[in-house]
């Protein structure tokens, strides 16, 4: 409001009851990602299985519009809050740098699988459905 007032404008703000939809993982795409992750020594744990993503993210909104996954790579021990100084310290480590590079490799491998495997393309499309967003989701 202060910025609008300073600029000689007015604004209207309306809170949405559910600004973030749940994340709908595309299971065939996640399976391909998980296989690639395992192949480079980073098997997914139960914390990253379909339907277990969390946090405040608009990735759920996106997942209703296009096939999506939202896995995460550990850069800190379990229990360290993502939004904490302790987590920030872990992100400066060689292990965190390796996690970022591994994540890039895993995503690239998964994209190559999707480009080159017609059966995976079909499974991803079938799992996604028709792309209709249920009423009240977005």
Protein backbone atom coordinates (compact mmCIF):
# COMPACT_ATOMS: atom_id res chain seq x y z
CA UNK A 1 0.00 0.00 0.00
CA UNK A 2 2.85 2.35 0.84
CA UNK A 3 4.46 1.85 -2.57
CA UNK A 4 1.17 2.44 -4.35
CA UNK A 5 0.56 5.59 -2.32
CA UNK A 6 4.07 6.90 -3.02
CA UNK A 7 3.57 6.31 -6.75
CA UNK A 8 0.18 8.01 -6.78
CA UNK A 9 -1.58 4.73 -7.47
CA UNK A 10 -4.10 2.64 -5.65
CA UNK A 11 -4.14 -1.09 -5.17
CA UNK A 12 -6.57 -3.82 -4.34
CA UNK A 13 -5.42 -6.93 -2.49
CA UNK A 14 -7.48 -10.05 -2.16
CA UNK A 15 -6.19 -13.14 -0.33
CA UNK A 16 -6.80 -16.45 -2.04
CA UNK A 17 -7.77 -19.28 0.32
CA UNK A 18 -5.49 -21.86 -1.36
CA UNK A 19 -2.90 -20.12 -3.53
CA UNK A 20 -0.87 -23.33 -3.96
CA UNK A 21 -2.35 -26.55 -5.31
CA UNK A 22 -1.05 -29.93 -4.18
CA UNK A 23 1.80 -31.40 -6.22
CA UNK A 24 0.69 -34.13 -8.62
CA UNK A 25 3.80 -36.13 -9.44
CA UNK A 26 3.86 -37.81 -12.83
CA UNK A 27 4.76 -41.30 -11.64
CA UNK A 28 6.34 -42.63 -14.88
CA UNK A 29 8.50 -39.51 -15.10
CA UNK A 30 9.42 -39.81 -11.41
CA UNK A 31 10.26 -43.49 -11.91
CA UNK A 32 12.66 -42.55 -14.74
CA UNK A 33 14.19 -39.84 -12.56
CA UNK A 34 14.52 -42.26 -9.63
CA UNK A 35 16.26 -44.87 -11.80
CA UNK A 36 18.74 -42.27 -13.02
CA UNK A 37 19.26 -40.96 -9.50
CA UNK A 38 19.96 -44.48 -8.25
CA UNK A 39 22.34 -45.14 -11.15
CA UNK A 40 24.66 -42.35 -9.97
CA UNK A 41 24.47 -43.37 -6.32
CA UNK A 42 21.65 -41.14 -5.06
CA UNK A 43 18.65 -43.42 -4.50
CA UNK A 44 15.46 -41.57 -3.64
CA UNK A 45 14.26 -42.11 -0.10
CA UNK A 46 10.64 -42.41 0.99
CA UNK A 47 10.71 -38.66 1.70
CA UNK A 48 10.73 -38.07 -2.06
CA UNK A 49 8.19 -40.61 -3.26
CA UNK A 50 5.06 -39.55 -5.19
CA UNK A 51 2.71 -37.34 -3.24
CA UNK A 52 5.17 -36.56 -0.45
CA UNK A 53 6.39 -33.17 -1.67
CA UNK A 54 5.62 -30.25 0.54
CA UNK A 55 6.29 -26.69 1.36
CA UNK A 56 4.91 -23.52 -0.14
CA UNK A 57 5.47 -23.77 -3.86
CA UNK A 58 3.53 -23.06 -7.00
CA UNK A 59 4.94 -26.29 -8.47
CA UNK A 60 1.62 -27.89 -7.55
CA UNK A 61 -0.17 -25.37 -9.76
CA UNK A 62 2.22 -26.18 -12.61
CA UNK A 63 1.73 -29.93 -12.11
CA UNK A 64 -1.93 -29.61 -13.07
CA UNK A 65 -0.94 -27.99 -16.38
CA UNK A 66 1.98 -30.15 -17.52
CA UNK A 67 3.56 -33.47 -16.44
CA UNK A 68 5.78 -32.62 -13.46
CA UNK A 69 7.94 -34.00 -10.70
CA UNK A 70 9.42 -32.26 -7.67
CA UNK A 71 12.23 -34.38 -6.22
CA UNK A 72 14.85 -32.81 -4.00
CA UNK A 73 18.51 -33.57 -3.33
CA UNK A 74 19.90 -33.49 0.18
CA UNK A 75 22.59 -30.90 0.92
CA UNK A 76 22.13 -30.99 4.70
CA UNK A 77 21.31 -33.71 7.23
CA UNK A 78 17.67 -34.63 7.77
CA UNK A 79 16.00 -32.31 10.25
CA UNK A 80 17.86 -29.15 9.23
CA UNK A 81 15.26 -26.53 8.30
CA UNK A 82 15.55 -25.26 4.72
CA UNK A 83 15.12 -21.66 5.83
CA UNK A 84 17.77 -21.50 8.54
CA UNK A 85 21.30 -20.17 8.95
CA UNK A 86 22.44 -23.75 9.59
CA UNK A 87 21.08 -24.86 6.18
CA UNK A 88 22.73 -21.85 4.53
CA UNK A 89 26.06 -22.99 5.97
CA UNK A 90 25.59 -26.49 4.50
CA UNK A 91 24.93 -25.00 1.05
CA UNK A 92 28.50 -23.65 0.97
CA UNK A 93 30.04 -27.13 1.15
CA UNK A 94 31.67 -29.33 -1.49
CA UNK A 95 28.91 -31.87 -0.80
CA UNK A 96 26.27 -29.29 -1.71
CA UNK A 97 28.14 -28.43 -4.91
CA UNK A 98 28.22 -32.13 -5.78
CA UNK A 99 24.48 -32.43 -5.09
CA UNK A 100 23.77 -29.59 -7.53
CA UNK A 101 25.93 -31.20 -10.23
CA UNK A 102 24.37 -34.61 -9.57
CA UNK A 103 20.91 -33.06 -9.82
CA UNK A 104 21.77 -31.52 -13.18
CA UNK A 105 23.06 -34.88 -14.43
CA UNK A 106 19.96 -36.71 -13.20
CA UNK A 107 17.63 -34.20 -14.88
CA UNK A 108 19.61 -34.35 -18.14
CA UNK A 109 19.56 -38.16 -18.10
CA UNK A 110 15.82 -38.11 -17.50
CA UNK A 111 15.22 -35.67 -20.36
CA UNK A 112 17.28 -37.90 -22.67
CA UNK A 113 15.18 -40.89 -21.59
CA UNK A 114 12.01 -38.95 -22.32
CA UNK A 115 13.29 -37.86 -25.75
CA UNK A 116 14.46 -41.30 -26.79
CA UNK A 117 11.97 -43.75 -25.26
CA UNK A 118 8.58 -43.72 -26.96
CA UNK A 119 7.14 -45.98 -24.26
CA UNK A 120 8.12 -43.47 -21.58
CA UNK A 121 6.58 -40.62 -23.57
CA UNK A 122 3.36 -42.61 -23.86
CA UNK A 123 3.34 -43.53 -20.15
CA UNK A 124 3.94 -39.90 -19.12
CA UNK A 125 1.09 -38.71 -21.36
CA UNK A 126 -1.26 -41.44 -20.13
CA UNK A 127 -0.46 -40.74 -16.49
CA UNK A 128 -1.01 -37.01 -16.94
CA UNK A 129 -4.50 -37.29 -18.35
CA UNK A 130 -6.21 -34.56 -20.31
CA UNK A 131 -4.76 -31.54 -18.51
CA UNK A 132 -8.08 -30.39 -17.09
CA UNK A 133 -7.73 -28.63 -13.77
CA UNK A 134 -10.38 -29.66 -11.22
CA UNK A 135 -12.63 -26.84 -10.02
CA UNK A 136 -11.26 -25.05 -6.99
CA UNK A 137 -7.68 -26.23 -7.49
CA UNK A 138 -6.25 -23.11 -9.14
